[in-house]
């Protein structure tokens, strides 16, 4: 699991004396990784929630609060940096008129479907939209058709 590996790497870098070989610590680490994986998937990076709900309470039996807080801060910044979209090189050399070259967010009700998403469409090109049921394909197409994107 990527989150577990990140947690253990940050733990080893931040606290070399952390009890990573302890089976109880390993179980707690797996739980923390599962929790932060869900938070990352939802792009939920609230520092208070990460520190005092998802991570530090489960590290408390193994280390002082200051060490757990430092570990959590490092882990949060690393996960935030890796989860956020990377800058994309411009593809200006493609032929065709730009129909849309924008960054937008799209939601349906209280659910965020696309957050800070870049869309670049050119006249004469063909595009497809793929995704599982309920992920927002039709909502995206309606937004494009209505000129909301």
Protein backbone atom coordinates (compact mmCIF):
# COMPACT_ATOMS: atom_id res chain seq x y z
CA UNK A 1 0.00 0.00 0.00
CA UNK A 2 1.37 3.40 -1.00
CA UNK A 3 0.11 5.18 2.13
CA UNK A 4 1.64 2.56 4.43
CA UNK A 5 4.97 2.84 2.62
CA UNK A 6 4.86 6.64 2.89
CA UNK A 7 4.01 6.45 6.59
CA UNK A 8 6.88 4.06 7.30
CA UNK A 9 9.33 6.12 5.21
CA UNK A 10 8.38 9.33 7.01
CA UNK A 11 8.54 7.50 10.33
CA UNK A 12 12.04 6.19 9.58
CA UNK A 13 13.23 9.62 8.38
CA UNK A 14 11.63 11.61 11.22
CA UNK A 15 12.06 9.18 14.12
CA UNK A 16 14.88 6.67 13.62
CA UNK A 17 14.07 4.99 16.96
CA UNK A 18 10.39 4.37 16.14
CA UNK A 19 9.24 0.82 16.95
CA UNK A 20 8.51 -0.17 13.34
CA UNK A 21 9.23 -3.85 14.06
CA UNK A 22 6.63 -3.99 16.87
CA UNK A 23 3.58 -5.99 15.65
CA UNK A 24 1.18 -3.65 17.47
CA UNK A 25 2.81 -0.63 15.82
CA UNK A 26 2.51 -2.39 12.46
CA UNK A 27 -1.23 -2.96 13.01
CA UNK A 28 -1.75 0.68 14.06
CA UNK A 29 0.28 1.81 11.02
CA UNK A 30 -1.94 -0.20 8.69
CA UNK A 31 -5.02 1.40 10.23
CA UNK A 32 -3.53 4.90 9.92
CA UNK A 33 -2.57 4.21 6.29
CA UNK A 34 -6.10 3.04 5.50
CA UNK A 35 -7.59 6.14 7.11
CA UNK A 36 -5.29 8.62 5.37
CA UNK A 37 -5.76 6.79 2.07
CA UNK A 38 -9.48 7.59 2.24
CA UNK A 39 -8.72 11.18 3.21
CA UNK A 40 -6.30 11.56 0.29
CA UNK A 41 -8.83 10.08 -2.15
CA UNK A 42 -11.30 12.74 -0.97
CA UNK A 43 -8.56 15.42 -1.15
CA UNK A 44 -9.22 16.13 2.52
CA UNK A 45 -6.08 17.71 3.98
CA UNK A 46 -7.39 19.47 7.07
CA UNK A 47 -4.42 19.65 9.45
CA UNK A 48 -6.52 19.40 12.60
CA UNK A 49 -8.32 16.25 11.38
CA UNK A 50 -5.07 14.62 10.25
CA UNK A 51 -3.25 15.35 13.50
CA UNK A 52 -5.89 14.92 16.16
CA UNK A 53 -8.27 12.41 14.59
CA UNK A 54 -6.51 10.25 12.01
CA UNK A 55 -2.84 9.97 12.97
CA UNK A 56 -1.59 11.22 16.35
CA UNK A 57 -4.08 9.38 18.60
CA UNK A 58 -2.86 6.08 17.12
CA UNK A 59 0.81 6.97 17.49
CA UNK A 60 0.41 8.13 21.12
CA UNK A 61 1.16 4.70 22.68
CA UNK A 62 4.48 4.52 20.83
CA UNK A 63 5.99 8.02 21.03
CA UNK A 64 5.69 11.41 22.70
CA UNK A 65 3.03 13.77 21.36
CA UNK A 66 5.62 16.17 19.94
CA UNK A 67 7.20 13.37 17.87
CA UNK A 68 3.79 12.18 16.65
CA UNK A 69 2.84 15.74 15.67
CA UNK A 70 6.11 16.23 13.79
CA UNK A 71 5.65 12.92 11.98
CA UNK A 72 2.07 13.82 11.09
CA UNK A 73 3.05 17.26 9.75
CA UNK A 74 5.73 15.74 7.54
CA UNK A 75 3.37 13.00 6.33
CA UNK A 76 0.58 15.50 5.61
CA UNK A 77 2.82 17.78 3.55
CA UNK A 78 4.22 14.83 1.60
CA UNK A 79 0.78 13.37 0.85
CA UNK A 80 -0.60 16.79 -0.10
CA UNK A 81 2.30 17.41 -2.48
CA UNK A 82 1.93 14.01 -4.14
CA UNK A 83 -1.88 14.11 -4.38
CA UNK A 84 -2.23 17.55 -5.95
CA UNK A 85 -2.26 17.75 -9.75
CA UNK A 86 1.08 18.32 -11.39
CA UNK A 87 1.68 21.18 -13.81
CA UNK A 88 1.10 20.01 -17.36
CA UNK A 89 3.22 21.22 -20.24
CA UNK A 90 1.29 23.24 -22.79
CA UNK A 91 0.58 21.50 -26.06
CA UNK A 92 0.39 24.62 -28.23
CA UNK A 93 2.03 22.91 -31.19
CA UNK A 94 -1.09 20.81 -31.95
CA UNK A 95 -3.04 22.08 -34.90
CA UNK A 96 -6.60 23.27 -34.58
CA UNK A 97 -8.53 26.03 -32.94
CA UNK A 98 -8.92 25.91 -29.18
CA UNK A 99 -12.51 25.19 -28.19
CA UNK A 100 -11.73 25.13 -24.49
CA UNK A 101 -8.54 25.63 -22.54
CA UNK A 102 -9.49 26.08 -18.92
CA UNK A 103 -9.23 24.83 -15.37
CA UNK A 104 -12.49 24.16 -13.53
CA UNK A 105 -14.20 22.32 -10.71
CA UNK A 106 -17.46 20.42 -11.12
CA UNK A 107 -19.86 19.11 -8.51
CA UNK A 108 -23.24 17.44 -8.34
CA UNK A 109 -25.17 18.25 -5.20
CA UNK A 110 -22.73 18.04 -2.31
CA UNK A 111 -20.37 15.68 -4.18
CA UNK A 112 -17.24 17.11 -5.83
CA UNK A 113 -16.71 15.28 -9.11
CA UNK A 114 -13.75 17.18 -10.53
CA UNK A 115 -11.55 19.57 -8.55
CA UNK A 116 -9.18 22.02 -10.27
CA UNK A 117 -9.25 19.97 -13.45
CA UNK A 118 -7.60 21.14 -16.65
CA UNK A 119 -9.56 20.69 -19.89
CA UNK A 120 -8.05 21.47 -23.29
CA UNK A 121 -10.19 20.70 -26.35
CA UNK A 122 -9.30 21.46 -29.97
CA UNK A 123 -11.55 21.67 -33.02
CA UNK A 124 -11.27 18.64 -35.28
CA UNK A 125 -10.05 16.27 -32.57
CA UNK A 126 -12.02 13.34 -31.11
CA UNK A 127 -12.31 12.78 -27.39
CA UNK A 128 -13.78 10.10 -25.17
CA UNK A 129 -14.96 10.20 -21.57
CA UNK A 130 -14.46 7.01 -19.58
CA UNK A 131 -15.34 6.22 -16.00
CA UNK A 132 -17.39 4.02 -13.72
CA UNK A 133 -21.11 4.53 -13.15
CA UNK A 134 -21.93 7.61 -11.13
CA UNK A 135 -18.54 9.31 -11.51
CA UNK A 136 -19.94 12.31 -13.41
CA UNK A 137 -19.48 11.64 -17.12
CA UNK A 138 -22.99 12.84 -18.05
CA UNK A 139 -22.75 15.76 -15.62
CA UNK A 140 -19.53 16.84 -17.32
CA UNK A 141 -21.08 16.55 -20.79
CA UNK A 142 -24.14 18.58 -19.66
CA UNK A 143 -21.87 21.27 -18.20
CA UNK A 144 -19.92 21.47 -21.48
CA UNK A 145 -23.14 21.60 -23.54
CA UNK A 146 -24.59 24.35 -21.30
CA UNK A 147 -21.42 26.42 -21.53
CA UNK A 148 -20.66 26.08 -17.82
CA UNK A 149 -17.18 24.76 -18.56
